[in-house]
């Protein structure tokens, strides 16, 4: 058997599992990272429909100024009074839609406090007002 290489006659003594362990660890890390993302709850937004709608929505506007002050339909109010104003608006019309108009410098926590006040009063149709981007040159 002069033509047979010496390698093929030897038995496999061990299997290198290092690549298998590497792939398993990478998959584990990916699973952990994506599982964290799935658990985090998002804030459901009720965005306005198309501009050609036949129905007219009643809007409850809540503006949050850069200094953190709150205005409900143009009247300055405290955060504690937002709940009562929201309940009164919902009693007049249960289809009232809330729109939060927050200045870009307002802290996220302040916006979420106003949103919690609206939801606590029973308003579940809430949208965020934005400005359209400037036209492209």
N, C-alpha and C. Protein backbone atom coordinates (compact mmCIF):
# COMPACT_ATOMS: atom_id res chain seq x y z
N UNK A 1 0.81 -1.17 0.00
CA UNK A 1 0.00 0.00 0.00
C UNK A 1 0.86 1.24 0.00
N UNK A 2 1.71 1.28 -0.92
CA UNK A 2 2.62 2.41 -1.02
C UNK A 2 1.90 3.67 -1.48
N UNK A 3 0.80 3.52 -2.26
CA UNK A 3 0.12 4.70 -2.79
C UNK A 3 -0.89 5.32 -1.83
N UNK A 4 -1.19 4.70 -0.72
CA UNK A 4 -2.18 5.22 0.22
C UNK A 4 -1.51 6.18 1.17
N UNK A 5 -2.06 7.35 1.29
CA UNK A 5 -1.45 8.31 2.22
C UNK A 5 -1.60 7.83 3.66
N UNK A 6 -0.70 8.22 4.47
CA UNK A 6 -0.69 7.80 5.86
C UNK A 6 -1.83 8.44 6.64
N UNK A 7 -2.34 9.53 6.16
CA UNK A 7 -3.39 10.26 6.87
C UNK A 7 -4.70 9.50 6.91
N UNK A 8 -5.08 8.85 5.83
CA UNK A 8 -6.38 8.21 5.76
C UNK A 8 -6.47 6.97 6.62
N UNK A 9 -5.36 6.40 7.00
CA UNK A 9 -5.38 5.19 7.80
C UNK A 9 -5.53 5.48 9.30
N UNK A 10 -5.37 6.75 9.69
CA UNK A 10 -5.48 7.09 11.11
C UNK A 10 -6.94 7.32 11.49
N UNK A 11 -7.31 7.00 12.69
CA UNK A 11 -8.66 7.23 13.21
C UNK A 11 -8.79 8.68 13.66
N UNK A 12 -9.99 9.20 13.58
CA UNK A 12 -10.25 10.55 14.08
C UNK A 12 -10.25 10.47 15.61
N UNK A 13 -9.32 11.18 16.21
CA UNK A 13 -9.17 11.10 17.65
C UNK A 13 -9.98 12.17 18.38
N UNK A 14 -10.30 13.27 17.71
CA UNK A 14 -11.05 14.33 18.39
C UNK A 14 -11.68 15.28 17.38
N UNK A 15 -12.73 15.95 17.80
CA UNK A 15 -13.40 16.92 16.94
C UNK A 15 -13.20 18.29 17.56
N UNK A 16 -12.80 19.23 16.74
CA UNK A 16 -12.60 20.59 17.20
C UNK A 16 -13.97 21.27 17.31
N UNK A 17 -14.42 21.57 18.53
CA UNK A 17 -15.73 22.17 18.74
C UNK A 17 -15.67 23.68 18.96
N UNK A 18 -14.51 24.27 18.80
CA UNK A 18 -14.37 25.71 19.00
C UNK A 18 -15.27 26.51 18.07
N UNK A 19 -15.33 26.20 16.76
CA UNK A 19 -16.24 26.97 15.91
C UNK A 19 -17.71 26.81 16.32
N UNK A 20 -18.09 25.64 16.78
CA UNK A 20 -19.46 25.41 17.23
C UNK A 20 -19.79 26.26 18.45
N UNK A 21 -18.86 26.35 19.38
CA UNK A 21 -19.05 27.16 20.58
C UNK A 21 -19.14 28.63 20.20
N UNK A 22 -18.29 29.09 19.29
CA UNK A 22 -18.33 30.48 18.84
C UNK A 22 -19.68 30.83 18.24
N UNK A 23 -20.18 30.00 17.35
CA UNK A 23 -21.47 30.26 16.70
C UNK A 23 -22.60 30.25 17.73
N UNK A 24 -22.55 29.31 18.67
CA UNK A 24 -23.58 29.22 19.70
C UNK A 24 -23.60 30.48 20.56
N UNK A 25 -22.44 30.97 20.94
CA UNK A 25 -22.38 32.18 21.76
C UNK A 25 -22.89 33.39 21.00
N UNK A 26 -22.55 33.50 19.72
CA UNK A 26 -23.04 34.63 18.91
C UNK A 26 -24.56 34.57 18.82
N UNK A 27 -25.13 33.40 18.59
CA UNK A 27 -26.59 33.27 18.52
C UNK A 27 -27.24 33.59 19.86
N UNK A 28 -26.60 33.21 20.95
CA UNK A 28 -27.12 33.51 22.27
C UNK A 28 -27.16 35.02 22.52
N UNK A 29 -26.09 35.71 22.15
CA UNK A 29 -26.04 37.16 22.32
C UNK A 29 -27.13 37.82 21.48
N UNK A 30 -27.29 37.40 20.24
CA UNK A 30 -28.33 37.97 19.38
C UNK A 30 -29.71 37.73 19.98
N UNK A 31 -29.95 36.55 20.49
CA UNK A 31 -31.23 36.23 21.11
C UNK A 31 -31.50 37.13 22.32
N UNK A 32 -30.49 37.32 23.17
CA UNK A 32 -30.68 38.14 24.37
C UNK A 32 -30.97 39.58 23.99
N UNK A 33 -30.26 40.13 23.04
CA UNK A 33 -30.46 41.52 22.64
C UNK A 33 -31.84 41.71 22.03
N UNK A 34 -32.25 40.82 21.14
CA UNK A 34 -33.56 40.99 20.51
C UNK A 34 -34.69 40.72 21.49
N UNK A 35 -34.48 39.85 22.46
CA UNK A 35 -35.52 39.60 23.46
C UNK A 35 -35.76 40.85 24.30
N UNK A 36 -34.72 41.59 24.62
CA UNK A 36 -34.86 42.84 25.36
C UNK A 36 -35.68 43.85 24.56
N UNK A 37 -35.47 43.91 23.25
CA UNK A 37 -36.20 44.85 22.41
C UNK A 37 -37.67 44.48 22.31
N UNK A 38 -37.97 43.21 22.28
CA UNK A 38 -39.35 42.77 22.15
C UNK A 38 -40.13 43.06 23.43
N UNK A 39 -39.49 42.97 24.58
CA UNK A 39 -40.17 43.17 25.86
C UNK A 39 -40.54 44.63 26.07
N UNK A 40 -39.73 45.58 25.59
CA UNK A 40 -40.01 46.98 25.80
C UNK A 40 -41.31 47.36 25.11
N UNK A 41 -42.18 48.04 25.86
CA UNK A 41 -43.46 48.43 25.30
C UNK A 41 -43.33 49.75 24.57
N UNK A 42 -43.95 49.82 23.44
CA UNK A 42 -43.99 51.06 22.71
C UNK A 42 -45.25 51.84 23.08
N UNK A 43 -45.27 53.09 22.75
CA UNK A 43 -46.44 53.92 23.00
C UNK A 43 -47.32 53.90 21.77
N UNK A 44 -48.52 53.36 21.88
CA UNK A 44 -49.39 53.34 20.71
C UNK A 44 -49.87 54.76 20.38
N UNK A 45 -49.75 55.13 19.16
CA UNK A 45 -50.17 56.45 18.72
C UNK A 45 -51.37 56.33 17.80
N UNK A 46 -52.32 57.21 17.97
CA UNK A 46 -53.47 57.26 17.09
C UNK A 46 -53.24 58.44 16.16
N UNK A 47 -52.63 58.19 15.02
CA UNK A 47 -52.27 59.25 14.11
C UNK A 47 -53.47 59.70 13.30
N UNK A 48 -53.52 60.97 12.92
CA UNK A 48 -54.65 61.45 12.14
C UNK A 48 -54.73 60.78 10.78
N UNK A 49 -55.96 60.70 10.25
CA UNK A 49 -56.18 60.10 8.95
C UNK A 49 -55.86 61.11 7.85
N UNK A 50 -56.19 60.76 6.63
CA UNK A 50 -55.91 61.63 5.48
C UNK A 50 -56.66 62.95 5.59
N UNK A 51 -56.17 63.96 4.91
CA UNK A 51 -56.76 65.29 4.97
C UNK A 51 -58.11 65.36 4.26
N UNK A 52 -58.45 64.39 3.45
CA UNK A 52 -59.70 64.42 2.69
C UNK A 52 -60.81 63.67 3.40
N UNK A 53 -60.79 63.65 4.70
CA UNK A 53 -61.80 62.96 5.48
C UNK A 53 -63.08 63.78 5.51
N UNK A 54 -64.23 63.11 5.48
CA UNK A 54 -65.51 63.80 5.53
C UNK A 54 -65.90 64.15 6.96
N UNK A 55 -65.51 63.33 7.91
CA UNK A 55 -65.86 63.57 9.30
C UNK A 55 -64.94 64.62 9.90
N UNK A 56 -65.50 65.42 10.78
CA UNK A 56 -64.72 66.44 11.46
C UNK A 56 -64.46 65.94 12.88
N UNK A 57 -63.21 65.81 13.24
CA UNK A 57 -62.85 65.35 14.57
C UNK A 57 -62.79 66.53 15.53
N UNK A 58 -63.29 66.30 16.73
CA UNK A 58 -63.17 67.31 17.78
C UNK A 58 -61.80 67.11 18.42
N UNK A 59 -61.04 68.18 18.51
CA UNK A 59 -59.66 68.10 18.99
C UNK A 59 -59.54 68.78 20.34
N UNK A 60 -58.85 68.11 21.24
CA UNK A 60 -58.53 68.63 22.56
C UNK A 60 -57.03 68.91 22.55
N UNK A 61 -56.65 70.16 22.34
CA UNK A 61 -55.25 70.52 22.15
C UNK A 61 -54.57 70.80 23.48
N UNK A 62 -53.46 70.12 23.70
CA UNK A 62 -52.64 70.34 24.90
C UNK A 62 -51.26 70.76 24.42
N UNK A 63 -50.90 72.00 24.70
CA UNK A 63 -49.60 72.53 24.28
C UNK A 63 -48.66 72.57 25.48
N UNK A 64 -47.44 72.12 25.26
CA UNK A 64 -46.42 72.17 26.32
C UNK A 64 -45.31 73.10 25.82
N UNK A 65 -45.17 74.22 26.50
CA UNK A 65 -44.19 75.23 26.10
C UNK A 65 -42.77 74.79 26.46
N UNK A 66 -41.79 75.51 25.97
CA UNK A 66 -40.38 75.17 26.22
C UNK A 66 -40.03 75.22 27.71
N UNK A 67 -40.70 76.11 28.47
CA UNK A 67 -40.42 76.20 29.90
C UNK A 67 -41.18 75.17 30.72
N UNK A 68 -42.00 74.32 30.07
CA UNK A 68 -42.73 73.27 30.76
C UNK A 68 -44.15 73.62 31.11
N UNK A 69 -44.55 74.89 30.85
CA UNK A 69 -45.93 75.27 31.16
C UNK A 69 -46.89 74.60 30.18
N UNK A 70 -48.12 74.38 30.64
CA UNK A 70 -49.10 73.63 29.87
C UNK A 70 -50.28 74.54 29.53
N UNK A 71 -50.75 74.43 28.30
CA UNK A 71 -51.95 75.15 27.86
C UNK A 71 -52.93 74.13 27.30
N UNK A 72 -54.18 74.21 27.76
CA UNK A 72 -55.23 73.33 27.25
C UNK A 72 -56.20 74.22 26.47
N UNK A 73 -56.30 73.98 25.18
CA UNK A 73 -57.12 74.79 24.28
C UNK A 73 -56.82 76.27 24.43
N UNK A 74 -55.55 76.59 24.63
CA UNK A 74 -55.10 77.97 24.72
C UNK A 74 -55.08 78.55 26.12
N UNK A 75 -55.71 77.90 27.09
CA UNK A 75 -55.75 78.41 28.47
C UNK A 75 -54.64 77.78 29.29
N UNK A 76 -53.85 78.60 30.03
CA UNK A 76 -52.80 78.02 30.88
C UNK A 76 -53.41 77.24 32.05
N UNK A 77 -52.89 76.03 32.28
CA UNK A 77 -53.37 75.19 33.37
C UNK A 77 -52.17 74.48 34.01
N UNK A 78 -52.39 73.95 35.20
CA UNK A 78 -51.39 73.13 35.86
C UNK A 78 -51.60 71.68 35.43
N UNK A 79 -50.59 70.85 35.64
CA UNK A 79 -50.68 69.44 35.25
C UNK A 79 -51.83 68.74 35.96
N UNK A 80 -52.09 69.10 37.22
CA UNK A 80 -53.17 68.47 37.98
C UNK A 80 -54.54 68.80 37.39
N UNK A 81 -54.68 69.93 36.72
CA UNK A 81 -55.97 70.34 36.16
C UNK A 81 -56.24 69.72 34.79
N UNK A 82 -55.23 69.13 34.18
CA UNK A 82 -55.42 68.52 32.85
C UNK A 82 -56.43 67.39 32.93
N UNK A 83 -56.39 66.63 34.01
CA UNK A 83 -57.31 65.50 34.18
C UNK A 83 -58.77 65.98 34.16
N UNK A 84 -59.08 67.01 34.95
CA UNK A 84 -60.46 67.51 35.03
C UNK A 84 -60.92 68.10 33.70
N UNK A 85 -60.04 68.84 33.03
CA UNK A 85 -60.41 69.43 31.73
C UNK A 85 -60.65 68.34 30.69
N UNK A 86 -59.86 67.28 30.76
CA UNK A 86 -60.03 66.18 29.81
C UNK A 86 -61.35 65.45 30.05
N UNK A 87 -61.68 65.19 31.30
CA UNK A 87 -62.95 64.52 31.62
C UNK A 87 -64.14 65.36 31.14
N UNK A 88 -64.06 66.68 31.34
CA UNK A 88 -65.15 67.57 30.90
C UNK A 88 -65.30 67.54 29.38
N UNK A 89 -64.17 67.54 28.67
CA UNK A 89 -64.22 67.49 27.21
C UNK A 89 -64.79 66.17 26.71
N UNK A 90 -64.45 65.08 27.39
CA UNK A 90 -64.97 63.77 26.99
C UNK A 90 -66.46 63.63 27.31
N UNK A 91 -66.93 64.31 28.34
CA UNK A 91 -68.36 64.27 28.64
C UNK A 91 -69.16 65.02 27.57
N UNK A 92 -68.59 66.13 27.07
CA UNK A 92 -69.27 66.88 26.01
C UNK A 92 -69.31 66.08 24.71
N UNK A 93 -68.18 65.41 24.39
CA UNK A 93 -68.11 64.63 23.16
C UNK A 93 -67.15 63.46 23.39
N UNK A 94 -67.69 62.22 23.47
CA UNK A 94 -66.82 61.06 23.72
C UNK A 94 -65.84 60.76 22.59
N UNK A 95 -66.05 61.32 21.41
CA UNK A 95 -65.16 61.09 20.27
C UNK A 95 -64.01 62.11 20.20
N UNK A 96 -63.82 62.86 21.26
CA UNK A 96 -62.77 63.88 21.28
C UNK A 96 -61.41 63.24 21.13
N UNK A 97 -60.59 63.82 20.28
CA UNK A 97 -59.22 63.35 20.03
C UNK A 97 -58.24 64.33 20.68
N UNK A 98 -57.31 63.80 21.44
CA UNK A 98 -56.30 64.64 22.08
C UNK A 98 -55.08 64.81 21.20
N UNK A 99 -54.58 66.03 21.13
CA UNK A 99 -53.37 66.32 20.36
C UNK A 99 -52.39 67.02 21.29
N UNK A 100 -51.22 66.41 21.44
CA UNK A 100 -50.17 66.99 22.27
C UNK A 100 -49.22 67.75 21.36
N UNK A 101 -49.08 69.05 21.64
CA UNK A 101 -48.17 69.91 20.87
C UNK A 101 -47.03 70.30 21.80
N UNK A 102 -45.96 69.53 21.78
CA UNK A 102 -44.84 69.78 22.69
C UNK A 102 -43.69 70.46 21.95
N UNK A 103 -43.12 71.47 22.59
CA UNK A 103 -41.93 72.13 22.05
C UNK A 103 -40.78 71.13 22.03
N UNK A 104 -39.89 71.25 21.08
CA UNK A 104 -38.81 70.26 20.94
C UNK A 104 -37.86 70.22 22.12
N UNK A 105 -37.80 71.27 22.95
CA UNK A 105 -36.89 71.30 24.09
C UNK A 105 -37.53 70.78 25.38
N UNK A 106 -38.79 70.37 25.32
CA UNK A 106 -39.48 69.87 26.52
C UNK A 106 -38.93 68.48 26.84
N UNK A 107 -38.61 68.22 28.11
CA UNK A 107 -38.12 66.89 28.48
C UNK A 107 -39.18 65.81 28.22
N UNK A 108 -38.70 64.65 27.87
CA UNK A 108 -39.58 63.52 27.55
C UNK A 108 -40.50 63.17 28.71
N UNK A 109 -40.00 63.28 29.92
CA UNK A 109 -40.79 62.95 31.10
C UNK A 109 -42.00 63.86 31.25
N UNK A 110 -41.85 65.12 30.88
CA UNK A 110 -42.98 66.06 30.98
C UNK A 110 -44.07 65.69 29.97
N UNK A 111 -43.66 65.31 28.77
CA UNK A 111 -44.62 64.90 27.74
C UNK A 111 -45.35 63.64 28.19
N UNK A 112 -44.63 62.69 28.76
CA UNK A 112 -45.25 61.45 29.21
C UNK A 112 -46.18 61.70 30.39
N UNK A 113 -45.87 62.68 31.25
CA UNK A 113 -46.76 63.01 32.37
C UNK A 113 -48.09 63.55 31.85
N UNK A 114 -48.03 64.40 30.82
CA UNK A 114 -49.26 64.93 30.21
C UNK A 114 -50.03 63.80 29.54
N UNK A 115 -49.33 62.93 28.84
CA UNK A 115 -50.00 61.81 28.18
C UNK A 115 -50.65 60.89 29.20
N UNK A 116 -50.00 60.64 30.32
CA UNK A 116 -50.58 59.82 31.39
C UNK A 116 -51.83 60.49 31.97
N UNK A 117 -51.80 61.81 32.09
CA UNK A 117 -52.97 62.53 32.61
C UNK A 117 -54.15 62.38 31.64
N UNK A 118 -53.89 62.47 30.35
CA UNK A 118 -54.95 62.31 29.35
C UNK A 118 -55.52 60.89 29.40
N UNK A 119 -54.65 59.91 29.46
CA UNK A 119 -55.11 58.52 29.50
C UNK A 119 -55.83 58.22 30.81
N UNK A 120 -55.35 58.77 31.90
CA UNK A 120 -55.99 58.56 33.19
C UNK A 120 -57.41 59.12 33.23
N UNK A 121 -57.65 60.16 32.43
CA UNK A 121 -58.98 60.76 32.37
C UNK A 121 -59.89 60.00 31.42
N UNK A 122 -59.35 59.03 30.69
CA UNK A 122 -60.18 58.23 29.79
C UNK A 122 -60.00 58.52 28.32
N UNK A 123 -59.08 59.39 27.97
CA UNK A 123 -58.85 59.71 26.55
C UNK A 123 -57.82 58.73 25.99
N UNK A 124 -58.23 57.98 24.98
CA UNK A 124 -57.34 56.99 24.40
C UNK A 124 -56.99 57.30 22.94
N UNK A 125 -57.57 58.31 22.39
CA UNK A 125 -57.24 58.72 21.01
C UNK A 125 -56.34 59.94 21.11
N UNK A 126 -55.03 59.69 21.12
CA UNK A 126 -54.04 60.75 21.34
C UNK A 126 -53.07 60.76 20.17
N UNK A 127 -52.76 61.95 19.68
CA UNK A 127 -51.79 62.11 18.60
C UNK A 127 -50.79 63.19 19.01
N UNK A 128 -49.66 63.23 18.31
CA UNK A 128 -48.65 64.25 18.55
C UNK A 128 -48.58 65.16 17.34
N UNK A 129 -48.62 66.45 17.57
CA UNK A 129 -48.54 67.43 16.49
C UNK A 129 -47.08 67.63 16.11
N UNK A 130 -46.83 67.75 14.83
CA UNK A 130 -45.49 68.03 14.33
C UNK A 130 -45.58 69.11 13.27
N UNK A 131 -44.46 69.69 12.96
CA UNK A 131 -44.40 70.67 11.88
C UNK A 131 -43.91 69.97 10.64
N UNK A 132 -44.45 70.33 9.48
CA UNK A 132 -43.95 69.71 8.25
C UNK A 132 -42.52 70.17 7.98
N UNK A 133 -41.72 69.33 7.33
CA UNK A 133 -40.35 69.73 7.03
C UNK A 133 -40.34 70.87 6.00
N UNK A 134 -39.30 71.68 6.03
CA UNK A 134 -39.24 72.77 5.04
C UNK A 134 -39.12 72.19 3.62
N UNK A 135 -39.65 72.91 2.66
CA UNK A 135 -39.56 72.40 1.28
C UNK A 135 -38.11 72.30 0.82
N UNK A 136 -37.84 71.30 0.03
CA UNK A 136 -36.49 71.11 -0.50
C UNK A 136 -36.18 72.19 -1.52
N UNK A 137 -34.94 72.70 -1.51
CA UNK A 137 -34.60 73.77 -2.46
C UNK A 137 -34.53 73.27 -3.89
